[in-house]
Amino acid sequence: MPNPLAHKLNRYVRLSEDDRMCLADIMSPSRMVAARTDIIHEGEDPRAINVILDGWACRYRQFANGRRQIVSLLLPGDPCDPHAFLLDAMDHTIGAITPVLLGQISGTAMQDLTARNPRLDLAFHREALATAAIQREWTVSLGSRTGIERLAHLFCELHARLAAIGLTDGNTCAMPMTQNDLGDAMGQTSVHINRTLQELRGMGLITLRSRRLTIHDPVALARLAHFDIAYLHLTETERAAAR
C-alpha cells in the first residue's frame, strides 16, 4: 500500500524514490489498534515514533476525576511527533478514535535516517513546524473563539487536512468523533456541542449524519470560524482541493 507518511512529507520537500524506500525500510510492520484503545500512555517511555497509517487518533490529557482534554487530532500520514523518542516519558496519552493501522519507527532508526539524509531531515522538521502551527491555532480557538466559532473552525480544519490527503468527497468527509469527543476537544460539554451542531445545521452550513460531515457553504463556514487556511502550510494544489 502507498505510504501515507511519505505522501505527507512530500508536501514539504520533494522526495525521491530512494527517500520513499528509506522511509519504508525503517517502518516496522504495521499493526491494527482497536477503536477507543490507547496507543501509548502518559508516563511511558516513547522509544519509537508512532505513525498513523489509517484511521483517526488523538492526543489527550486526563485528570484523576475522569475529565479529558483532547489537545490534537491525528490523521493518516501523521507521525505522532518525530522527536518524541528524545523524551524520557510521554507527557500525554495517544488514543485511537477509530480502528487505527499503526506503524512505528524506532528512535535509533530515525536518528540514523535523518543523519544520512538531509532531505528527509528537512521534511520531518517542516512537518513538525506545521504541526506546531496547528497547535497554536487550537490555542487561539480555546482562548478567543466562541463556542460556535470553535466548532466551525475545527470542521474547516479537518476537511482541509483530509482533502490534502485525498480523503474527501467534494465537501463531504468522514467525521467519526462523537459529541463527547468534540466536547473534549472544544472544552465544552456534549450538551453544548449538541446545541451548537443544531445551530450550524439551522444556519444551513453543515449536515452531520452517519459519521459523515457535509459542509454546504464552505465560504460562509470559514467566515464564521475566522478560518485562514494559511496556518496549515498546504501546497497550492492542496489549498485548491480544500476549497
C-alpha atoms as a PDB file:
ATOM      1  CA  MET A   1       0.000   0.000   0.000  1.00  0.00           C
ATOM      2  CA  PRO A   2       1.180   3.613  -0.563  1.00  0.00           C
ATOM      3  CA  ASN A   3       2.994   5.075   2.427  1.00  0.00           C
ATOM      4  CA  PRO A   4       0.861   7.966   3.761  1.00  0.00           C
ATOM      5  CA  LEU A   5       3.859   9.288   5.733  1.00  0.00           C
ATOM      6  CA  ALA A   6       5.845   9.673   2.510  1.00  0.00           C
ATOM      7  CA  HIS A   7       2.818  11.327   0.913  1.00  0.00           C
ATOM      8  CA  LYS A   8       2.646  13.865   3.729  1.00  0.00           C
ATOM      9  CA  LEU A   9       6.383  14.593   3.878  1.00  0.00           C
ATOM     10  CA  ASN A  10       6.381  15.119   0.127  1.00  0.00           C
ATOM     11  CA  ARG A  11       4.300  18.258   0.763  1.00  0.00           C
ATOM     12  CA  TYR A  12       7.254  19.915   2.437  1.00  0.00           C
ATOM     13  CA  VAL A  13      10.209  18.529   0.474  1.00  0.00           C
ATOM     14  CA  ARG A  14      10.056  16.799  -2.894  1.00  0.00           C
ATOM     15  CA  LEU A  15      11.023  13.201  -2.102  1.00  0.00           C
ATOM     16  CA  SER A  16      12.918  10.909  -4.438  1.00  0.00           C
ATOM     17  CA  GLU A  17      12.112   7.252  -4.901  1.00  0.00           C
ATOM     18  CA  ASP A  18      15.160   6.456  -2.732  1.00  0.00           C
ATOM     19  CA  ASP A  19      13.740   8.670   0.032  1.00  0.00           C
ATOM     20  CA  ARG A  20      10.456   6.780  -0.099  1.00  0.00           C
ATOM     21  CA  MET A  21      12.257   3.459   0.036  1.00  0.00           C
ATOM     22  CA  CYS A  22      14.268   4.619   3.055  1.00  0.00           C
ATOM     23  CA  LEU A  23      11.044   5.500   4.872  1.00  0.00           C
ATOM     24  CA  ALA A  24       9.535   2.127   4.020  1.00  0.00           C
ATOM     25  CA  ASP A  25      12.671   0.305   5.182  1.00  0.00           C
ATOM     26  CA  ILE A  26      12.705   1.854   8.670  1.00  0.00           C
ATOM     27  CA  MET A  27       8.991   1.383   9.322  1.00  0.00           C
ATOM     28  CA  SER A  28       8.139  -1.621  11.461  1.00  0.00           C
ATOM     29  CA  PRO A  29       5.389  -3.984  10.222  1.00  0.00           C
ATOM     30  CA  SER A  30       2.050  -2.259  10.702  1.00  0.00           C
ATOM     31  CA  ARG A  31      -0.479  -3.445  13.272  1.00  0.00           C
ATOM     32  CA  MET A  32      -4.124  -2.725  13.969  1.00  0.00           C
ATOM     33  CA  VAL A  33      -5.191  -0.891  17.101  1.00  0.00           C
ATOM     34  CA  ALA A  34      -8.845  -1.162  18.107  1.00  0.00           C
ATOM     35  CA  ALA A  35     -11.027   1.935  18.358  1.00  0.00           C
ATOM     36  CA  ARG A  36     -11.055   3.557  21.814  1.00  0.00           C
ATOM     37  CA  THR A  37      -7.755   1.888  22.689  1.00  0.00           C
ATOM     38  CA  ASP A  38      -4.717   3.795  23.929  1.00  0.00           C
ATOM     39  CA  ILE A  39      -1.628   3.570  21.716  1.00  0.00           C
ATOM     40  CA  ILE A  40       0.810   4.938  24.303  1.00  0.00           C
ATOM     41  CA  HIS A  41       0.125   6.239  27.797  1.00  0.00           C
ATOM     42  CA  GLU A  42       1.271   9.332  29.614  1.00  0.00           C
ATOM     43  CA  GLY A  43       4.407   8.456  31.589  1.00  0.00           C
ATOM     44  CA  GLU A  44       5.574   5.681  29.269  1.00  0.00           C
ATOM     45  CA  ASP A  45       8.971   5.737  27.584  1.00  0.00           C
ATOM     46  CA  PRO A  46       8.471   6.851  23.947  1.00  0.00           C
ATOM     47  CA  ARG A  47      11.220   4.767  22.392  1.00  0.00           C
ATOM     48  CA  ALA A  48       9.614   4.821  18.948  1.00  0.00           C
ATOM     49  CA  ILE A  49       7.714   7.222  16.721  1.00  0.00           C
ATOM     50  CA  ASN A  50       4.133   6.103  16.161  1.00  0.00           C
ATOM     51  CA  VAL A  51       2.801   6.779  12.652  1.00  0.00           C
ATOM     52  CA  ILE A  52      -0.906   6.805  11.790  1.00  0.00           C
ATOM     53  CA  LEU A  53      -1.227   4.897   8.515  1.00  0.00           C
ATOM     54  CA  ASP A  54      -5.020   4.689   8.514  1.00  0.00           C
ATOM     55  CA  GLY A  55      -7.763   5.837  10.865  1.00  0.00           C
ATOM     56  CA  TRP A  56      -8.071   8.666  13.394  1.00  0.00           C
ATOM     57  CA  ALA A  57      -6.324   9.101  16.738  1.00  0.00           C
ATOM     58  CA  CYS A  58      -5.896  11.906  19.251  1.00  0.00           C
ATOM     59  CA  ARG A  59      -3.547  13.254  21.864  1.00  0.00           C
ATOM     60  CA  TYR A  60      -5.195  13.853  25.214  1.00  0.00           C
ATOM     61  CA  ARG A  61      -4.679  14.556  28.895  1.00  0.00           C
ATOM     62  CA  GLN A  62      -6.963  13.048  31.521  1.00  0.00           C
ATOM     63  CA  PHE A  63      -7.455  14.114  35.118  1.00  0.00           C
ATOM     64  CA  ALA A  64      -7.951  11.755  38.054  1.00  0.00           C
ATOM     65  CA  ASN A  65     -11.659  12.649  38.139  1.00  0.00           C
ATOM     66  CA  GLY A  66     -12.087  11.419  34.542  1.00  0.00           C
ATOM     67  CA  ARG A  67     -12.227  14.767  32.781  1.00  0.00           C
ATOM     68  CA  ARG A  68     -10.375  14.660  29.468  1.00  0.00           C
ATOM     69  CA  GLN A  69      -8.966  17.308  27.151  1.00  0.00           C
ATOM     70  CA  ILE A  70      -8.194  16.336  23.567  1.00  0.00           C
ATOM     71  CA  VAL A  71      -5.296  18.543  22.504  1.00  0.00           C
ATOM     72  CA  SER A  72      -4.874  17.448  18.876  1.00  0.00           C
ATOM     73  CA  LEU A  73      -6.192  15.070  16.247  1.00  0.00           C
ATOM     74  CA  LEU A  74      -4.010  12.673  14.261  1.00  0.00           C
ATOM     75  CA  LEU A  75      -4.959  11.642  10.719  1.00  0.00           C
ATOM     76  CA  PRO A  76      -3.444   9.241   8.160  1.00  0.00           C
ATOM     77  CA  GLY A  77       0.173  10.144   7.424  1.00  0.00           C
ATOM     78  CA  ASP A  78       0.711  11.906  10.743  1.00  0.00           C
ATOM     79  CA  PRO A  79       3.777  10.929  12.772  1.00  0.00           C
ATOM     80  CA  CYS A  80       2.934  11.280  16.459  1.00  0.00           C
ATOM     81  CA  ASP A  81       5.872  13.678  16.960  1.00  0.00           C
ATOM     82  CA  PRO A  82       9.023  12.584  15.082  1.00  0.00           C
ATOM     83  CA  HIS A  83      11.198  13.674  18.002  1.00  0.00           C
ATOM     84  CA  ALA A  84       9.210  12.071  20.853  1.00  0.00           C
ATOM     85  CA  PHE A  85      11.884   9.415  21.371  1.00  0.00           C
ATOM     86  CA  LEU A  86      14.204  12.119  22.741  1.00  0.00           C
ATOM     87  CA  LEU A  87      11.996  12.417  25.843  1.00  0.00           C
ATOM     88  CA  ASP A  88      12.246  10.238  28.942  1.00  0.00           C
ATOM     89  CA  ALA A  89       8.488   9.943  29.345  1.00  0.00           C
ATOM     90  CA  MET A  90       5.320  10.828  27.461  1.00  0.00           C
ATOM     91  CA  ASP A  91       3.579  13.924  28.802  1.00  0.00           C
ATOM     92  CA  HIS A  92       0.236  12.947  27.231  1.00  0.00           C
ATOM     93  CA  THR A  93      -1.637   9.874  26.004  1.00  0.00           C
ATOM     94  CA  ILE A  94      -2.313   8.963  22.375  1.00  0.00           C
ATOM     95  CA  GLY A  95      -5.552   7.088  21.824  1.00  0.00           C
ATOM     96  CA  ALA A  96      -7.341   5.620  18.807  1.00  0.00           C
ATOM     97  CA  ILE A  97     -10.697   7.186  17.937  1.00  0.00           C
ATOM     98  CA  THR A  98     -11.382   4.710  15.139  1.00  0.00           C
ATOM     99  CA  PRO A  99      -9.586   1.454  14.364  1.00  0.00           C
ATOM    100  CA  VAL A 100      -6.057   2.591  13.513  1.00  0.00           C
ATOM    101  CA  LEU A 101      -3.429   0.997  11.304  1.00  0.00           C
ATOM    102  CA  LEU A 102      -0.232   1.884  13.136  1.00  0.00           C
ATOM    103  CA  GLY A 103       3.379   1.891  12.018  1.00  0.00           C
ATOM    104  CA  GLN A 104       6.423   2.586  14.176  1.00  0.00           C
ATOM    105  CA  ILE A 105       9.926   3.926  13.610  1.00  0.00           C
ATOM    106  CA  SER A 106      12.488   3.301  16.320  1.00  0.00           C
ATOM    107  CA  GLY A 107      14.346   6.288  17.723  1.00  0.00           C
ATOM    108  CA  THR A 108      17.684   4.830  16.603  1.00  0.00           C
ATOM    109  CA  ALA A 109      16.412   4.294  13.055  1.00  0.00           C
ATOM    110  CA  MET A 110      15.081   7.865  12.925  1.00  0.00           C
ATOM    111  CA  GLN A 111      18.390   9.317  14.107  1.00  0.00           C
ATOM    112  CA  ASP A 112      20.332   7.268  11.557  1.00  0.00           C
ATOM    113  CA  LEU A 113      17.955   8.205   8.750  1.00  0.00           C
ATOM    114  CA  THR A 114      17.961  11.956   9.369  1.00  0.00           C
ATOM    115  CA  ALA A 115      21.739  11.990   9.905  1.00  0.00           C
ATOM    116  CA  ARG A 116      22.439  10.478   6.494  1.00  0.00           C
ATOM    117  CA  ASN A 117      19.538  12.043   4.553  1.00  0.00           C
ATOM    118  CA  PRO A 118      19.348  15.875   4.838  1.00  0.00           C
ATOM    119  CA  ARG A 119      16.267  16.000   2.619  1.00  0.00           C
ATOM    120  CA  LEU A 120      14.227  13.755   4.922  1.00  0.00           C
ATOM    121  CA  ASP A 121      15.634  15.575   7.951  1.00  0.00           C
ATOM    122  CA  LEU A 122      14.310  18.839   6.498  1.00  0.00           C
ATOM    123  CA  ALA A 123      10.965  17.241   5.672  1.00  0.00           C
ATOM    124  CA  PHE A 124      10.472  15.988   9.243  1.00  0.00           C
ATOM    125  CA  HIS A 125      11.424  19.388  10.665  1.00  0.00           C
ATOM    126  CA  ARG A 126       8.982  21.175   8.380  1.00  0.00           C
ATOM    127  CA  GLU A 127       6.256  18.683   9.299  1.00  0.00           C
ATOM    128  CA  ALA A 128       6.920  19.369  12.992  1.00  0.00           C
ATOM    129  CA  LEU A 129       6.684  23.127  12.396  1.00  0.00           C
ATOM    130  CA  ALA A 130       3.358  22.715  10.575  1.00  0.00           C
ATOM    131  CA  THR A 131       2.065  20.590  13.458  1.00  0.00           C
ATOM    132  CA  ALA A 132       3.117  23.307  15.916  1.00  0.00           C
ATOM    133  CA  ALA A 133       1.200  25.856  13.831  1.00  0.00           C
ATOM    134  CA  ILE A 134      -1.954  23.741  14.134  1.00  0.00           C
ATOM    135  CA  GLN A 135      -1.414  23.537  17.886  1.00  0.00           C
ATOM    136  CA  ARG A 136      -1.137  27.330  18.103  1.00  0.00           C
ATOM    137  CA  GLU A 137      -4.408  27.709  16.216  1.00  0.00           C
ATOM    138  CA  TRP A 138      -6.112  25.328  18.653  1.00  0.00           C
ATOM    139  CA  THR A 139      -4.856  27.549  21.487  1.00  0.00           C
ATOM    140  CA  VAL A 140      -6.377  30.570  19.731  1.00  0.00           C
ATOM    141  CA  SER A 141      -9.679  28.717  19.415  1.00  0.00           C
ATOM    142  CA  LEU A 142      -9.832  27.776  23.088  1.00  0.00           C
ATOM    143  CA  GLY A 143      -8.757  31.255  24.188  1.00  0.00           C
ATOM    144  CA  SER A 144     -10.592  33.582  21.811  1.00  0.00           C
ATOM    145  CA  ARG A 145     -13.216  31.901  19.616  1.00  0.00           C
ATOM    146  CA  THR A 146     -16.811  31.492  20.745  1.00  0.00           C
ATOM    147  CA  GLY A 147     -18.326  28.038  21.007  1.00  0.00           C
ATOM    148  CA  ILE A 148     -19.860  28.075  17.538  1.00  0.00           C
ATOM    149  CA  GLU A 149     -16.685  29.568  16.046  1.00  0.00           C
ATOM    150  CA  ARG A 150     -14.557  26.807  17.632  1.00  0.00           C
ATOM    151  CA  LEU A 151     -16.641  24.012  16.165  1.00  0.00           C
ATOM    152  CA  ALA A 152     -16.893  25.686  12.773  1.00  0.00           C
ATOM    153  CA  HIS A 153     -13.121  26.158  12.754  1.00  0.00           C
ATOM    154  CA  LEU A 154     -12.484  22.521  13.647  1.00  0.00           C
ATOM    155  CA  PHE A 155     -14.730  21.373  10.795  1.00  0.00           C
ATOM    156  CA  CYS A 156     -12.950  23.683   8.345  1.00  0.00           C
ATOM    157  CA  GLU A 157      -9.546  22.440   9.508  1.00  0.00           C
ATOM    158  CA  LEU A 158     -10.389  18.761   9.381  1.00  0.00           C
ATOM    159  CA  HIS A 159     -11.942  18.998   5.931  1.00  0.00           C
ATOM    160  CA  ALA A 160      -8.853  20.828   4.656  1.00  0.00           C
ATOM    161  CA  ARG A 161      -6.450  18.317   6.204  1.00  0.00           C
ATOM    162  CA  LEU A 162      -8.417  15.369   4.830  1.00  0.00           C
ATOM    163  CA  ALA A 163      -8.695  16.972   1.388  1.00  0.00           C
ATOM    164  CA  ALA A 164      -4.900  17.348   1.333  1.00  0.00           C
ATOM    165  CA  ILE A 165      -4.510  13.567   1.625  1.00  0.00           C
ATOM    166  CA  GLY A 166      -7.310  12.696  -0.761  1.00  0.00           C
ATOM    167  CA  LEU A 167      -9.858  11.614   1.846  1.00  0.00           C
ATOM    168  CA  THR A 168     -12.777  13.892   0.973  1.00  0.00           C
ATOM    169  CA  ASP A 169     -15.644  13.567  -1.478  1.00  0.00           C
ATOM    170  CA  GLY A 170     -16.225  17.142  -2.553  1.00  0.00           C
ATOM    171  CA  ASN A 171     -17.495  18.981   0.513  1.00  0.00           C
ATOM    172  CA  THR A 172     -18.088  15.720   2.423  1.00  0.00           C
ATOM    173  CA  CYS A 173     -15.637  13.911   4.684  1.00  0.00           C
ATOM    174  CA  ALA A 174     -15.578  11.376   7.485  1.00  0.00           C
ATOM    175  CA  MET A 175     -16.409  12.646  10.965  1.00  0.00           C
ATOM    176  CA  PRO A 176     -16.087   9.712  13.377  1.00  0.00           C
ATOM    177  CA  MET A 177     -15.878  11.876  16.509  1.00  0.00           C
ATOM    178  CA  THR A 178     -18.768  11.590  18.958  1.00  0.00           C
ATOM    179  CA  GLN A 179     -20.319  14.615  20.629  1.00  0.00           C
ATOM    180  CA  ASN A 180     -18.349  13.678  23.745  1.00  0.00           C
ATOM    181  CA  ASP A 181     -15.129  13.701  21.667  1.00  0.00           C
ATOM    182  CA  LEU A 182     -15.998  17.090  20.199  1.00  0.00           C
ATOM    183  CA  GLY A 183     -16.738  18.410  23.674  1.00  0.00           C
ATOM    184  CA  ASP A 184     -13.389  17.125  24.959  1.00  0.00           C
ATOM    185  CA  ALA A 185     -11.622  18.873  22.070  1.00  0.00           C
ATOM    186  CA  MET A 186     -13.566  22.123  22.357  1.00  0.00           C
ATOM    187  CA  GLY A 187     -13.512  22.398  26.154  1.00  0.00           C
ATOM    188  CA  GLN A 188     -17.309  22.149  26.282  1.00  0.00           C
ATOM    189  CA  THR A 189     -19.979  19.713  27.404  1.00  0.00           C
ATOM    190  CA  SER A 190     -21.622  17.312  24.978  1.00  0.00           C
ATOM    191  CA  VAL A 191     -24.918  19.155  25.639  1.00  0.00           C
ATOM    192  CA  HIS A 192     -23.324  22.411  24.475  1.00  0.00           C
ATOM    193  CA  ILE A 193     -21.893  20.646  21.411  1.00  0.00           C
ATOM    194  CA  ASN A 194     -25.336  19.278  20.564  1.00  0.00           C
ATOM    195  CA  ARG A 195     -26.855  22.774  20.693  1.00  0.00           C
ATOM    196  CA  THR A 196     -24.019  24.182  18.568  1.00  0.00           C
ATOM    197  CA  LEU A 197     -24.437  21.450  15.945  1.00  0.00           C
ATOM    198  CA  GLN A 198     -28.155  22.229  15.765  1.00  0.00           C
ATOM    199  CA  GLU A 199     -27.322  25.902  15.293  1.00  0.00           C
ATOM    200  CA  LEU A 200     -24.870  25.176  12.462  1.00  0.00           C
ATOM    201  CA  ARG A 201     -27.459  22.933  10.822  1.00  0.00           C
ATOM    202  CA  GLY A 202     -30.158  25.589  11.257  1.00  0.00           C
ATOM    203  CA  MET A 203     -27.921  28.114   9.504  1.00  0.00           C
ATOM    204  CA  GLY A 204     -27.667  25.708   6.560  1.00  0.00           C
ATOM    205  CA  LEU A 205     -23.903  25.407   6.915  1.00  0.00           C
ATOM    206  CA  ILE A 206     -23.422  21.702   7.651  1.00  0.00           C
ATOM    207  CA  THR A 207     -25.024  18.297   7.813  1.00  0.00           C
ATOM    208  CA  LEU A 208     -23.593  15.666  10.161  1.00  0.00           C
ATOM    209  CA  ARG A 209     -25.133  12.249   9.637  1.00  0.00           C
ATOM    210  CA  SER A 210     -23.897   8.652   9.841  1.00  0.00           C
ATOM    211  CA  ARG A 211     -20.385   9.769  10.794  1.00  0.00           C
ATOM    212  CA  ARG A 212     -20.129  11.923   7.654  1.00  0.00           C
ATOM    213  CA  LEU A 213     -19.781  15.711   7.616  1.00  0.00           C
ATOM    214  CA  THR A 214     -21.007  17.768   4.674  1.00  0.00           C
ATOM    215  CA  ILE A 215     -20.147  21.467   4.536  1.00  0.00           C
ATOM    216  CA  HIS A 216     -22.847  23.127   2.440  1.00  0.00           C
ATOM    217  CA  ASP A 217     -21.308  26.599   2.329  1.00  0.00           C
ATOM    218  CA  PRO A 218     -17.517  26.438   2.869  1.00  0.00           C
ATOM    219  CA  VAL A 219     -17.058  30.195   2.426  1.00  0.00           C
ATOM    220  CA  ALA A 220     -19.702  31.088   4.998  1.00  0.00           C
ATOM    221  CA  LEU A 221     -18.436  28.460   7.461  1.00  0.00           C
ATOM    222  CA  ALA A 222     -14.864  29.752   7.119  1.00  0.00           C
ATOM    223  CA  ARG A 223     -16.089  33.332   7.612  1.00  0.00           C
ATOM    224  CA  LEU A 224     -17.973  32.339  10.768  1.00  0.00           C
ATOM    225  CA  ALA A 225     -14.903  30.485  12.103  1.00  0.00           C
ATOM    226  CA  HIS A 226     -12.349  33.181  11.214  1.00  0.00           C
ATOM    227  CA  PHE A 227     -10.611  30.350   9.372  1.00  0.00           C
ATOM    228  CA  ASP A 228      -7.481  31.185   7.386  1.00  0.00           C
ATOM    229  CA  ILE A 229      -6.042  28.086   5.740  1.00  0.00           C
ATOM    230  CA  ALA A 230      -2.511  29.548   5.658  1.00  0.00           C
ATOM    231  CA  TYR A 231      -1.542  28.054   9.047  1.00  0.00           C
ATOM    232  CA  LEU A 232      -1.873  24.521   7.629  1.00  0.00           C
ATOM    233  CA  HIS A 233       1.046  25.238   5.273  1.00  0.00           C
ATOM    234  CA  LEU A 234      -0.529  23.320   2.407  1.00  0.00           C
ATOM    235  CA  THR A 235       0.681  23.451  -1.175  1.00  0.00           C
ATOM    236  CA  GLU A 236      -1.281  25.461  -3.757  1.00  0.00           C
ATOM    237  CA  THR A 237      -2.769  22.230  -5.114  1.00  0.00           C
ATOM    238  CA  GLU A 238      -3.858  21.102  -1.644  1.00  0.00           C
ATOM    239  CA  ARG A 239      -5.378  24.511  -0.854  1.00  0.00           C
ATOM    240  CA  ALA A 240      -7.378  24.310  -4.065  1.00  0.00           C
ATOM    241  CA  ALA A 241      -8.626  20.834  -3.126  1.00  0.00           C
ATOM    242  CA  ALA A 242      -9.666  22.087   0.304  1.00  0.00           C
ATOM    243  CA  ARG A 243     -11.800  24.920  -1.029  1.00  0.00           C
END
